[in-house]
Amino acid sequence: MNTPNLKNTLVSAVTIASVFAAQVAFAQTASTPWLTGSAELGYVSTTGNSQSSNINAKVALAKDTKNWSHSIKLAGIGSSSEVSNNGVVSGQRSAEKYNFDYQTDRNLDEVKSLYFFSNYEKDRFSGFDQQTAFGVGYGHKVILKPDQQMQIDVGPAYRINNPIQGSTQSETVLHLGENYFWNFSETAKFEQFFVIDTGSDNTISKLGFAVTANLTGTLGLKLASEWKLTDNPGFNAAGVEFEDLDSVTTINITYGF
């Protein structure tokens, strides 16, 4: 089975991220970390009667000070398989998506903050070649405990959609976000998020859950599932409308620092 280009791309990305994570881990001590984060990798390959390759990689970085909180998330997921047509074997991709998310919060006190966010998504197998959004608003921690935290964000945002069919769409939207985490034991945590960006042309909603269990001090096993609902998902080159709902479930090995 020939190695897909998609695999090479994502493996290269996670390798670079892992090297960076390792440098960060060596540069800081456990008592005085200046940056925290995690790197994830999941890969499944089948051979024989069915030949396919599935890979996903994620990197998350966070920096917290008394007055500011910053977070960056990078993710890539892809799937490909080899098909035979009259004895000619060729690779065929069925999924390829990349995400970038950034948010910075200016802490007003322990529970109140002002935020700025931006995100970018490129999905070859959706109605949009690219989607970009950025906005500002108010954040409020409705739960603030040593082992639990929930923040609600609300504010205006500006979204730019580049559909596969049709011209570029841009609109002002209302951004509603919710993030929650719970360290329910010394070795396991639960995370959940919910986002709605609603405008006059389109409403996009995202929901995600994840459970992480530590295997060693830095390595863990993470089960995650995410759903994305798009009211107007767009059309493919043949003029057929895409499905409204997309979902992804992953099981990854994680490295935390």
C-alpha atoms as a PDB file:
ATOM      1  CA  MET A   1       0.000   0.000   0.000  1.00  0.00           C
ATOM      2  CA  ASN A   2       1.462   3.367  -1.023  1.00  0.00           C
ATOM      3  CA  THR A   3       1.674   5.948   1.739  1.00  0.00           C
ATOM      4  CA  PRO A   4      -0.936   8.663   1.099  1.00  0.00           C
ATOM      5  CA  ASN A   5       0.177  12.265   0.756  1.00  0.00           C
ATOM      6  CA  LEU A   6      -2.370  13.149   3.399  1.00  0.00           C
ATOM      7  CA  LYS A   7      -0.645  10.920   5.919  1.00  0.00           C
ATOM      8  CA  ASN A   8       2.710  12.545   5.146  1.00  0.00           C
ATOM      9  CA  THR A   9       1.241  16.025   5.582  1.00  0.00           C
ATOM     10  CA  LEU A  10      -0.364  15.329   8.939  1.00  0.00           C
ATOM     11  CA  VAL A  11       2.563  13.304  10.253  1.00  0.00           C
ATOM     12  CA  SER A  12       4.897  16.184   9.368  1.00  0.00           C
ATOM     13  CA  ALA A  13       2.603  18.624  11.158  1.00  0.00           C
ATOM     14  CA  VAL A  14       2.394  16.574  14.331  1.00  0.00           C
ATOM     15  CA  THR A  15       6.169  15.939  14.250  1.00  0.00           C
ATOM     16  CA  ILE A  16       6.849  19.668  14.186  1.00  0.00           C
ATOM     17  CA  ALA A  17       4.310  20.175  16.968  1.00  0.00           C
ATOM     18  CA  SER A  18       5.839  17.366  19.048  1.00  0.00           C
ATOM     19  CA  VAL A  19       9.329  18.829  18.689  1.00  0.00           C
ATOM     20  CA  PHE A  20       8.001  22.207  19.785  1.00  0.00           C
ATOM     21  CA  ALA A  21       6.156  20.605  22.711  1.00  0.00           C
ATOM     22  CA  ALA A  22       9.330  18.783  23.765  1.00  0.00           C
ATOM     23  CA  GLN A  23      11.309  22.029  23.661  1.00  0.00           C
ATOM     24  CA  VAL A  24       8.671  23.722  25.803  1.00  0.00           C
ATOM     25  CA  ALA A  25       8.705  20.842  28.278  1.00  0.00           C
ATOM     26  CA  PHE A  26      12.492  21.067  28.678  1.00  0.00           C
ATOM     27  CA  ALA A  27      12.459  24.872  28.862  1.00  0.00           C
ATOM     28  CA  GLN A  28      10.106  25.033  31.842  1.00  0.00           C
ATOM     29  CA  THR A  29      10.003  23.305  35.183  1.00  0.00           C
ATOM     30  CA  ALA A  30       7.016  21.638  36.817  1.00  0.00           C
ATOM     31  CA  SER A  31       6.996  24.286  39.558  1.00  0.00           C
ATOM     32  CA  THR A  32       7.179  27.287  37.214  1.00  0.00           C
ATOM     33  CA  PRO A  33       5.490  26.424  33.901  1.00  0.00           C
ATOM     34  CA  TRP A  34       5.147  29.452  31.646  1.00  0.00           C
ATOM     35  CA  LEU A  35       3.182  27.550  29.012  1.00  0.00           C
ATOM     36  CA  THR A  36       0.929  24.500  29.199  1.00  0.00           C
ATOM     37  CA  GLY A  37      -0.549  22.342  26.503  1.00  0.00           C
ATOM     38  CA  SER A  38      -0.999  18.973  24.903  1.00  0.00           C
ATOM     39  CA  ALA A  39      -0.330  17.158  21.635  1.00  0.00           C
ATOM     40  CA  GLU A  40      -2.550  14.341  20.331  1.00  0.00           C
ATOM     41  CA  LEU A  41      -2.178  11.737  17.630  1.00  0.00           C
ATOM     42  CA  GLY A  42      -4.462   8.974  16.390  1.00  0.00           C
ATOM     43  CA  TYR A  43      -3.817   6.696  13.432  1.00  0.00           C
ATOM     44  CA  VAL A  44      -5.582   3.635  12.000  1.00  0.00           C
ATOM     45  CA  SER A  45      -4.391   1.626   8.976  1.00  0.00           C
ATOM     46  CA  THR A  46      -6.011  -1.429   7.371  1.00  0.00           C
ATOM     47  CA  THR A  47      -4.525  -3.728   4.740  1.00  0.00           C
ATOM     48  CA  GLY A  48      -5.608  -6.863   2.919  1.00  0.00           C
ATOM     49  CA  ASN A  49      -9.082  -6.912   1.383  1.00  0.00           C
ATOM     50  CA  SER A  50      -9.620  -3.350   2.560  1.00  0.00           C
ATOM     51  CA  GLN A  51      -6.815  -0.800   2.474  1.00  0.00           C
ATOM     52  CA  SER A  52      -7.348   2.525   4.185  1.00  0.00           C
ATOM     53  CA  SER A  53      -5.549   5.127   6.266  1.00  0.00           C
ATOM     54  CA  ASN A  54      -7.075   7.411   8.897  1.00  0.00           C
ATOM     55  CA  ILE A  55      -5.118   9.952  10.905  1.00  0.00           C
ATOM     56  CA  ASN A  56      -5.840  12.935  13.132  1.00  0.00           C
ATOM     57  CA  ALA A  57      -3.543  15.251  15.058  1.00  0.00           C
ATOM     58  CA  LYS A  58      -4.187  18.074  17.513  1.00  0.00           C
ATOM     59  CA  VAL A  59      -2.066  20.588  19.412  1.00  0.00           C
ATOM     60  CA  ALA A  60      -3.371  22.876  22.171  1.00  0.00           C
ATOM     61  CA  LEU A  61      -1.345  25.590  23.927  1.00  0.00           C
ATOM     62  CA  ALA A  62      -2.372  27.835  26.822  1.00  0.00           C
ATOM     63  CA  LYS A  63      -0.743  30.735  28.653  1.00  0.00           C
ATOM     64  CA  ASP A  64      -2.303  32.194  31.815  1.00  0.00           C
ATOM     65  CA  THR A  65      -1.241  35.229  33.814  1.00  0.00           C
ATOM     66  CA  LYS A  66      -3.000  37.349  36.410  1.00  0.00           C
ATOM     67  CA  ASN A  67      -4.578  39.628  33.799  1.00  0.00           C
ATOM     68  CA  TRP A  68      -4.531  37.599  30.588  1.00  0.00           C
ATOM     69  CA  SER A  69      -5.398  34.131  29.302  1.00  0.00           C
ATOM     70  CA  HIS A  70      -4.375  32.904  25.843  1.00  0.00           C
ATOM     71  CA  SER A  71      -5.195  29.669  24.018  1.00  0.00           C
ATOM     72  CA  ILE A  72      -4.261  28.280  20.601  1.00  0.00           C
ATOM     73  CA  LYS A  73      -5.610  25.075  19.069  1.00  0.00           C
ATOM     74  CA  LEU A  74      -4.501  23.384  15.841  1.00  0.00           C
ATOM     75  CA  ALA A  75      -6.162  20.264  14.422  1.00  0.00           C
ATOM     76  CA  GLY A  76      -6.051  18.170  11.284  1.00  0.00           C
ATOM     77  CA  ILE A  77      -7.970  15.066  10.301  1.00  0.00           C
ATOM     78  CA  GLY A  78      -7.942  12.974   7.159  1.00  0.00           C
ATOM     79  CA  SER A  79      -9.009   9.668   5.695  1.00  0.00           C
ATOM     80  CA  SER A  80      -7.991   7.924   2.480  1.00  0.00           C
ATOM     81  CA  SER A  81      -8.329   4.506   0.895  1.00  0.00           C
ATOM     82  CA  GLU A  82      -7.001   2.617  -2.100  1.00  0.00           C
ATOM     83  CA  VAL A  83      -9.479   1.501  -4.753  1.00  0.00           C
ATOM     84  CA  SER A  84      -8.913  -0.809  -7.721  1.00  0.00           C
ATOM     85  CA  ASN A  85     -10.451   0.003 -11.098  1.00  0.00           C
ATOM     86  CA  ASN A  86      -9.721  -2.559 -13.849  1.00  0.00           C
ATOM     87  CA  GLY A  87      -6.550  -3.561 -12.063  1.00  0.00           C
ATOM     88  CA  VAL A  88      -5.359   0.020 -11.602  1.00  0.00           C
ATOM     89  CA  VAL A  89      -4.949   0.939  -7.918  1.00  0.00           C
ATOM     90  CA  SER A  90      -5.341   4.586  -6.944  1.00  0.00           C
ATOM     91  CA  GLY A  91      -5.704   6.537  -3.728  1.00  0.00           C
ATOM     92  CA  GLN A  92      -9.001   8.194  -2.884  1.00  0.00           C
ATOM     93  CA  ARG A  93      -9.515  10.706  -0.084  1.00  0.00           C
ATOM     94  CA  SER A  94     -12.774  10.807   1.842  1.00  0.00           C
ATOM     95  CA  ALA A  95     -11.939  13.423   4.487  1.00  0.00           C
ATOM     96  CA  GLU A  96      -9.456  16.262   4.898  1.00  0.00           C
ATOM     97  CA  LYS A  97     -10.002  19.096   7.348  1.00  0.00           C
ATOM     98  CA  TYR A  98      -7.779  21.598   9.157  1.00  0.00           C
ATOM     99  CA  ASN A  99      -8.734  23.929  12.021  1.00  0.00           C
ATOM    100  CA  PHE A 100      -7.067  26.854  13.770  1.00  0.00           C
ATOM    101  CA  ASP A 101      -8.595  28.517  16.851  1.00  0.00           C
ATOM    102  CA  TYR A 102      -7.214  31.368  18.947  1.00  0.00           C
ATOM    103  CA  GLN A 103      -8.707  33.213  21.916  1.00  0.00           C
ATOM    104  CA  THR A 104      -7.311  35.770  24.328  1.00  0.00           C
ATOM    105  CA  ASP A 105      -9.135  36.967  27.448  1.00  0.00           C
ATOM    106  CA  ARG A 106      -8.449  40.163  29.395  1.00  0.00           C
ATOM    107  CA  ASN A 107      -9.405  39.236  32.941  1.00  0.00           C
ATOM    108  CA  LEU A 108     -11.362  41.968  34.709  1.00  0.00           C
ATOM    109  CA  ASP A 109     -11.575  39.929  37.919  1.00  0.00           C
ATOM    110  CA  GLU A 110     -11.813  36.245  38.835  1.00  0.00           C
ATOM    111  CA  VAL A 111     -15.056  35.669  36.887  1.00  0.00           C
ATOM    112  CA  LYS A 112     -15.387  38.488  34.337  1.00  0.00           C
ATOM    113  CA  SER A 113     -13.342  39.022  31.192  1.00  0.00           C
ATOM    114  CA  LEU A 114     -13.276  40.632  27.765  1.00  0.00           C
ATOM    115  CA  TYR A 115     -12.232  38.365  24.914  1.00  0.00           C
ATOM    116  CA  PHE A 116     -11.077  38.338  21.311  1.00  0.00           C
ATOM    117  CA  PHE A 117     -11.268  35.192  19.210  1.00  0.00           C
ATOM    118  CA  SER A 118     -10.496  34.089  15.680  1.00  0.00           C
ATOM    119  CA  ASN A 119     -10.894  30.754  13.942  1.00  0.00           C
ATOM    120  CA  TYR A 120     -10.185  29.279  10.541  1.00  0.00           C
ATOM    121  CA  GLU A 121     -11.413  26.024   8.996  1.00  0.00           C
ATOM    122  CA  LYS A 122     -10.538  24.409   5.684  1.00  0.00           C
ATOM    123  CA  ASP A 123     -12.608  21.338   4.798  1.00  0.00           C
ATOM    124  CA  ARG A 124     -12.272  19.830   1.335  1.00  0.00           C
ATOM    125  CA  PHE A 125     -15.360  17.695   1.816  1.00  0.00           C
ATOM    126  CA  SER A 126     -17.871  20.359   2.785  1.00  0.00           C
ATOM    127  CA  GLY A 127     -19.773  23.068   0.976  1.00  0.00           C
ATOM    128  CA  PHE A 128     -17.143  25.646   1.969  1.00  0.00           C
ATOM    129  CA  ASP A 129     -13.528  25.652   0.887  1.00  0.00           C
ATOM    130  CA  GLN A 130     -12.673  27.979   3.788  1.00  0.00           C
ATOM    131  CA  GLN A 131     -14.482  29.558   6.719  1.00  0.00           C
ATOM    132  CA  THR A 132     -13.029  32.377   8.827  1.00  0.00           C
ATOM    133  CA  ALA A 133     -14.469  34.255  11.799  1.00  0.00           C
ATOM    134  CA  PHE A 134     -13.266  36.724  14.407  1.00  0.00           C
ATOM    135  CA  GLY A 135     -15.018  38.648  17.141  1.00  0.00           C
ATOM    136  CA  VAL A 136     -14.962  40.328  20.551  1.00  0.00           C
ATOM    137  CA  GLY A 137     -17.220  40.118  23.551  1.00  0.00           C
ATOM    138  CA  TYR A 138     -17.785  39.475  27.240  1.00  0.00           C
ATOM    139  CA  GLY A 139     -16.921  36.292  29.121  1.00  0.00           C
ATOM    140  CA  HIS A 140     -18.242  35.176  32.492  1.00  0.00           C
ATOM    141  CA  LYS A 141     -17.222  32.169  34.587  1.00  0.00           C
ATOM    142  CA  VAL A 142     -20.484  30.760  35.923  1.00  0.00           C
ATOM    143  CA  ILE A 143     -18.623  27.920  37.690  1.00  0.00           C
ATOM    144  CA  LEU A 144     -15.251  28.521  39.336  1.00  0.00           C
ATOM    145  CA  LYS A 145     -13.997  25.692  41.525  1.00  0.00           C
ATOM    146  CA  PRO A 146     -10.579  24.020  41.907  1.00  0.00           C
ATOM    147  CA  ASP A 147     -11.802  20.960  39.979  1.00  0.00           C
ATOM    148  CA  GLN A 148     -14.516  22.527  37.766  1.00  0.00           C
ATOM    149  CA  GLN A 149     -14.850  25.588  35.574  1.00  0.00           C
ATOM    150  CA  MET A 150     -17.426  26.840  33.079  1.00  0.00           C
ATOM    151  CA  GLN A 151     -17.262  30.044  31.048  1.00  0.00           C
ATOM    152  CA  ILE A 152     -19.961  31.637  28.906  1.00  0.00           C
ATOM    153  CA  ASP A 153     -18.981  34.014  26.077  1.00  0.00           C
ATOM    154  CA  VAL A 154     -21.270  36.361  24.165  1.00  0.00           C
ATOM    155  CA  GLY A 155     -20.545  39.064  21.624  1.00  0.00           C
ATOM    156  CA  PRO A 156     -20.569  40.131  17.959  1.00  0.00           C
ATOM    157  CA  ALA A 157     -18.398  38.460  15.329  1.00  0.00           C
ATOM    158  CA  TYR A 158     -17.679  38.744  11.634  1.00  0.00           C
ATOM    159  CA  ARG A 159     -17.718  35.612   9.484  1.00  0.00           C
ATOM    160  CA  ILE A 160     -16.378  35.053   5.949  1.00  0.00           C
ATOM    161  CA  ASN A 161     -17.421  31.945   4.025  1.00  0.00           C
ATOM    162  CA  ASN A 162     -15.808  30.836   0.780  1.00  0.00           C
ATOM    163  CA  PRO A 163     -18.274  28.331  -0.716  1.00  0.00           C
ATOM    164  CA  ILE A 164     -17.307  25.779  -3.336  1.00  0.00           C
ATOM    165  CA  GLN A 165     -20.193  26.995  -5.459  1.00  0.00           C
ATOM    166  CA  GLY A 166     -21.050  30.693  -5.507  1.00  0.00           C
ATOM    167  CA  SER A 167     -19.409  33.900  -4.391  1.00  0.00           C
ATOM    168  CA  THR A 168     -17.781  34.741  -1.061  1.00  0.00           C
ATOM    169  CA  GLN A 169     -20.243  35.370   1.765  1.00  0.00           C
ATOM    170  CA  SER A 170     -19.573  37.703   4.685  1.00  0.00           C
ATOM    171  CA  GLU A 171     -21.871  38.737   7.518  1.00  0.00           C
ATOM    172  CA  THR A 172     -22.018  39.946  11.108  1.00  0.00           C
ATOM    173  CA  VAL A 173     -23.110  37.205  13.486  1.00  0.00           C
ATOM    174  CA  LEU A 174     -23.944  36.768  17.162  1.00  0.00           C
ATOM    175  CA  HIS A 175     -21.369  34.528  18.846  1.00  0.00           C
ATOM    176  CA  LEU A 176     -22.406  32.427  21.867  1.00  0.00           C
ATOM    177  CA  GLY A 177     -19.825  30.113  23.405  1.00  0.00           C
ATOM    178  CA  GLU A 178     -19.623  27.804  26.397  1.00  0.00           C
ATOM    179  CA  ASN A 179     -16.604  25.865  27.710  1.00  0.00           C
ATOM    180  CA  TYR A 180     -16.601  23.452  30.651  1.00  0.00           C
ATOM    181  CA  PHE A 181     -14.036  21.143  32.233  1.00  0.00           C
ATOM    182  CA  TRP A 182     -14.202  18.875  35.249  1.00  0.00           C
ATOM    183  CA  ASN A 183     -11.297  17.028  36.843  1.00  0.00           C
ATOM    184  CA  PHE A 184     -13.490  14.283  38.270  1.00  0.00           C
ATOM    185  CA  SER A 185     -10.557  12.239  39.595  1.00  0.00           C
ATOM    186  CA  GLU A 186      -6.796  12.565  40.064  1.00  0.00           C
ATOM    187  CA  THR A 187      -6.193  10.786  36.747  1.00  0.00           C
ATOM    188  CA  ALA A 188      -9.171  11.711  34.564  1.00  0.00           C
ATOM    189  CA  LYS A 189     -10.955  14.807  33.270  1.00  0.00           C
ATOM    190  CA  PHE A 190     -14.058  15.674  31.264  1.00  0.00           C
ATOM    191  CA  GLU A 191     -14.268  18.544  28.759  1.00  0.00           C
ATOM    192  CA  GLN A 192     -17.239  19.953  26.865  1.00  0.00           C
ATOM    193  CA  PHE A 193     -17.875  22.936  24.589  1.00  0.00           C
ATOM    194  CA  PHE A 194     -20.807  24.442  22.707  1.00  0.00           C
ATOM    195  CA  VAL A 195     -20.679  27.270  20.146  1.00  0.00           C
ATOM    196  CA  ILE A 196     -23.390  29.008  18.104  1.00  0.00           C
ATOM    197  CA  ASP A 197     -22.598  31.630  15.462  1.00  0.00           C
ATOM    198  CA  THR A 198     -25.897  32.851  14.076  1.00  0.00           C
ATOM    199  CA  GLY A 199     -26.447  35.371  11.294  1.00  0.00           C
ATOM    200  CA  SER A 200     -29.031  36.283   8.685  1.00  0.00           C
ATOM    201  CA  ASP A 201     -27.474  34.007   6.021  1.00  0.00           C
ATOM    202  CA  ASN A 202     -26.339  31.021   8.041  1.00  0.00           C
ATOM    203  CA  THR A 203     -26.223  29.563  11.551  1.00  0.00           C
ATOM    204  CA  ILE A 204     -23.373  27.237  12.506  1.00  0.00           C
ATOM    205  CA  SER A 205     -23.432  25.271  15.764  1.00  0.00           C
ATOM    206  CA  LYS A 206     -20.692  23.081  17.267  1.00  0.00           C
ATOM    207  CA  LEU A 207     -20.847  20.679  20.203  1.00  0.00           C
ATOM    208  CA  GLY A 208     -18.028  18.583  21.595  1.00  0.00           C
ATOM    209  CA  PHE A 209     -17.243  16.179  24.447  1.00  0.00           C
ATOM    210  CA  ALA A 210     -13.963  14.590  25.548  1.00  0.00           C
ATOM    211  CA  VAL A 211     -12.764  12.317  28.343  1.00  0.00           C
ATOM    212  CA  THR A 212      -9.037  11.968  29.055  1.00  0.00           C
ATOM    213  CA  ALA A 213      -7.462   9.334  31.315  1.00  0.00           C
ATOM    214  CA  ASN A 214      -3.818   9.547  32.336  1.00  0.00           C
ATOM    215  CA  LEU A 215      -1.678   6.516  31.503  1.00  0.00           C
ATOM    216  CA  THR A 216       1.552   7.935  32.939  1.00  0.00           C
ATOM    217  CA  GLY A 217       2.624  11.336  34.194  1.00  0.00           C
ATOM    218  CA  THR A 218       2.536  12.904  30.716  1.00  0.00           C
ATOM    219  CA  LEU A 219       0.823  10.343  28.470  1.00  0.00           C
ATOM    220  CA  GLY A 220      -2.931   9.823  28.335  1.00  0.00           C
ATOM    221  CA  LEU A 221      -5.742   8.278  26.338  1.00  0.00           C
ATOM    222  CA  LYS A 222      -8.446  10.630  25.029  1.00  0.00           C
ATOM    223  CA  LEU A 223     -11.880   9.790  23.651  1.00  0.00           C
ATOM    224  CA  ALA A 224     -13.551  12.751  21.932  1.00  0.00           C
ATOM    225  CA  SER A 225     -16.590  13.417  19.789  1.00  0.00           C
ATOM    226  CA  GLU A 226     -17.584  16.607  17.970  1.00  0.00           C
ATOM    227  CA  TRP A 227     -20.663  17.603  15.957  1.00  0.00           C
ATOM    228  CA  LYS A 228     -21.102  20.529  13.562  1.00  0.00           C
ATOM    229  CA  LEU A 229     -24.553  21.636  12.354  1.00  0.00           C
ATOM    230  CA  THR A 230     -24.769  24.073   9.422  1.00  0.00           C
ATOM    231  CA  ASP A 231     -28.178  25.453   8.445  1.00  0.00           C
ATOM    232  CA  ASN A 232     -27.064  26.163   4.861  1.00  0.00           C
ATOM    233  CA  PRO A 233     -24.215  23.714   4.182  1.00  0.00           C
ATOM    234  CA  GLY A 234     -23.688  24.618   0.532  1.00  0.00           C
ATOM    235  CA  PHE A 235     -23.505  22.533  -2.654  1.00  0.00           C
ATOM    236  CA  ASN A 236     -20.891  20.361  -4.320  1.00  0.00           C
ATOM    237  CA  ALA A 237     -19.673  20.708  -7.922  1.00  0.00           C
ATOM    238  CA  ALA A 238     -22.618  18.576  -9.127  1.00  0.00           C
ATOM    239  CA  GLY A 239     -25.124  20.907  -7.475  1.00  0.00           C
ATOM    240  CA  VAL A 240     -26.063  18.466  -4.693  1.00  0.00           C
ATOM    241  CA  GLU A 241     -26.485  19.990  -1.218  1.00  0.00           C
ATOM    242  CA  PHE A 242     -24.200  18.688   1.513  1.00  0.00           C
ATOM    243  CA  GLU A 243     -25.546  17.150   4.718  1.00  0.00           C
ATOM    244  CA  ASP A 244     -26.391  19.593   7.512  1.00  0.00           C
ATOM    245  CA  LEU A 245     -24.655  17.560  10.244  1.00  0.00           C
ATOM    246  CA  ASP A 246     -21.010  16.469  10.394  1.00  0.00           C
ATOM    247  CA  SER A 247     -19.563  14.431  13.260  1.00  0.00           C
ATOM    248  CA  VAL A 248     -16.095  13.165  14.179  1.00  0.00           C
ATOM    249  CA  THR A 249     -15.191  10.667  16.915  1.00  0.00           C
ATOM    250  CA  THR A 250     -11.529  10.048  17.767  1.00  0.00           C
ATOM    251  CA  ILE A 251      -9.419   8.011  20.165  1.00  0.00           C
ATOM    252  CA  ASN A 252      -5.970   9.562  20.581  1.00  0.00           C
ATOM    253  CA  ILE A 253      -2.802   9.182  22.576  1.00  0.00           C
ATOM    254  CA  THR A 254      -2.054  12.513  24.259  1.00  0.00           C
ATOM    255  CA  TYR A 255       1.136  14.085  25.559  1.00  0.00           C
ATOM    256  CA  GLY A 256       0.669  16.831  28.129  1.00  0.00           C
ATOM    257  CA  PHE A 257       3.173  19.375  29.405  1.00  0.00           C
END
